[in-house]
Amino acid sequence: MHPDGDRWVGHDTGRNDPHYHLDHPWEHGHFPGTIGPGHVWRLHGGDYNRFAVGAFFFSVAAFDIAYGADWLWDSDDIVIYDDPDHIGWYLGYNVRLGTYMHVMYLGD
């Protein structure tokens, strides 16, 4: 979130951005873990194709892969948020870098 307002920095393409369209939103179900700033998750393995937090797995949207070039997939802390604009996606916010990517829940 941007400190001078209640908006996502760089998340300004709107609800109809074709990069985040899913034919089958929530095909793996909804993330059952805690989301929002009240819980920080530690990455513990994988890469943008499939990474783990707790006992849960996610993948990064193809359009966002470049934003994760500096993520440490085995040790960074992230916060998971609901994506208010793109059905089927979450936003993974990297606490260390201050960046986020669209992520999809893959299950546990």
Protein backbone atom coordinates (compact mmCIF):
# COMPACT_ATOMS: atom_id res chain seq x y z
CA MET A 1 0.00 0.00 0.00
CA HIS A 2 1.13 3.54 -0.57
CA PRO A 3 1.62 5.51 2.66
CA ASP A 4 -0.09 8.59 1.23
CA GLY A 5 -3.37 6.89 0.47
CA ASP A 6 -5.12 3.61 0.41
CA ARG A 7 -3.92 2.28 -2.95
CA TRP A 8 -1.48 -0.28 -4.31
CA VAL A 9 1.60 1.27 -5.90
CA GLY A 10 1.88 -0.05 -9.46
CA HIS A 11 -1.49 -1.76 -9.19
CA ASP A 12 -3.27 0.76 -11.35
CA THR A 13 -4.29 -1.12 -14.50
CA GLY A 14 -7.77 -1.75 -13.15
CA ARG A 15 -10.14 -4.67 -13.01
CA ASN A 16 -10.06 -5.40 -16.74
CA ASP A 17 -6.31 -5.92 -17.11
CA PRO A 18 -6.08 -8.99 -19.39
CA HIS A 19 -2.76 -10.04 -17.78
CA TYR A 20 -4.65 -11.20 -14.69
CA HIS A 21 -7.74 -12.71 -16.30
CA LEU A 22 -8.40 -16.30 -15.23
CA ASP A 23 -10.83 -18.60 -17.02
CA HIS A 24 -11.17 -20.64 -13.80
CA PRO A 25 -10.68 -18.39 -10.76
CA TRP A 26 -10.09 -20.20 -7.47
CA GLU A 27 -9.51 -23.51 -9.30
CA HIS A 28 -7.41 -24.69 -6.35
CA GLY A 29 -9.74 -23.19 -3.73
CA HIS A 30 -9.29 -20.18 -1.48
CA PHE A 31 -6.22 -19.74 0.68
CA PRO A 32 -7.25 -20.95 4.16
CA GLY A 33 -4.39 -19.21 5.97
CA THR A 34 -4.29 -15.77 7.57
CA ILE A 35 -4.16 -12.81 5.20
CA GLY A 36 -3.48 -9.14 5.75
CA PRO A 37 -0.93 -7.18 7.76
CA GLY A 38 -1.70 -9.11 10.93
CA HIS A 39 0.34 -12.11 9.76
CA VAL A 40 3.75 -12.39 8.13
CA TRP A 41 4.63 -15.60 6.29
CA ARG A 42 8.20 -16.85 5.74
CA LEU A 43 9.05 -18.22 2.30
CA HIS A 44 10.69 -21.61 2.63
CA GLY A 45 11.55 -22.92 -0.76
CA GLY A 46 10.71 -22.96 -4.42
CA ASP A 47 10.67 -20.20 -7.00
CA TYR A 48 8.12 -18.16 -8.92
CA ASN A 49 6.57 -21.33 -10.42
CA ARG A 50 5.77 -22.82 -7.02
CA PHE A 51 6.80 -21.52 -3.63
CA ALA A 52 5.88 -22.47 -0.09
CA VAL A 53 4.63 -20.51 2.91
CA GLY A 54 3.72 -22.61 5.91
CA ALA A 55 2.11 -25.76 4.53
CA PHE A 56 0.66 -23.88 1.53
CA PHE A 57 1.85 -23.38 -2.05
CA PHE A 58 1.51 -20.47 -4.47
CA SER A 59 2.71 -19.48 -7.94
CA VAL A 60 3.43 -16.02 -9.38
CA ALA A 61 1.49 -14.51 -12.28
CA ALA A 62 3.55 -14.74 -15.47
CA PHE A 63 3.26 -10.98 -16.01
CA ASP A 64 4.77 -10.30 -12.56
CA ILE A 65 7.79 -12.64 -12.61
CA ALA A 66 10.28 -9.80 -13.20
CA TYR A 67 9.12 -8.10 -9.98
CA GLY A 68 10.40 -11.10 -8.02
CA ALA A 69 13.96 -11.09 -9.34
CA ASP A 70 15.34 -10.08 -5.93
CA TRP A 71 13.06 -12.23 -3.78
CA LEU A 72 14.83 -14.76 -1.57
CA TRP A 73 12.58 -17.77 -2.08
CA ASP A 74 13.93 -19.60 0.95
CA SER A 75 13.87 -16.85 3.56
CA ASP A 76 11.98 -13.63 2.72
CA ASP A 77 8.96 -12.60 4.76
CA ILE A 78 5.76 -11.84 2.87
CA VAL A 79 2.24 -10.75 3.65
CA ILE A 80 -0.64 -12.18 1.63
CA TYR A 81 -3.53 -9.86 0.71
CA ASP A 82 -6.75 -10.39 -1.23
CA ASP A 83 -6.54 -8.78 -4.66
CA PRO A 84 -9.51 -6.39 -4.76
CA ASP A 85 -9.45 -6.11 -8.56
CA HIS A 86 -8.58 -9.51 -10.00
CA ILE A 87 -10.71 -12.50 -9.07
CA GLY A 88 -8.68 -15.59 -8.30
CA TRP A 89 -5.48 -13.74 -7.37
CA TYR A 90 -3.84 -12.69 -4.13
CA LEU A 91 -1.10 -10.11 -3.68
CA GLY A 92 2.13 -11.24 -2.07
CA TYR A 93 3.95 -8.30 -0.45
CA ASN A 94 7.67 -8.75 0.23
CA VAL A 95 8.42 -7.09 3.58
CA ARG A 96 12.18 -6.78 2.94
CA LEU A 97 11.90 -5.21 -0.52
CA GLY A 98 8.57 -3.40 -0.36
CA THR A 99 7.43 -5.03 -3.59
CA TYR A 100 4.50 -7.24 -4.37
CA MET A 101 3.37 -9.70 -7.03
CA HIS A 102 0.10 -11.32 -8.00
CA VAL A 103 0.13 -14.85 -6.63
CA MET A 104 -2.25 -17.78 -7.04
CA TYR A 105 -3.01 -20.27 -4.32
CA LEU A 106 -2.13 -23.80 -5.46
CA GLY A 107 -3.23 -25.73 -2.39
CA ASP A 108 -1.50 -27.51 0.45
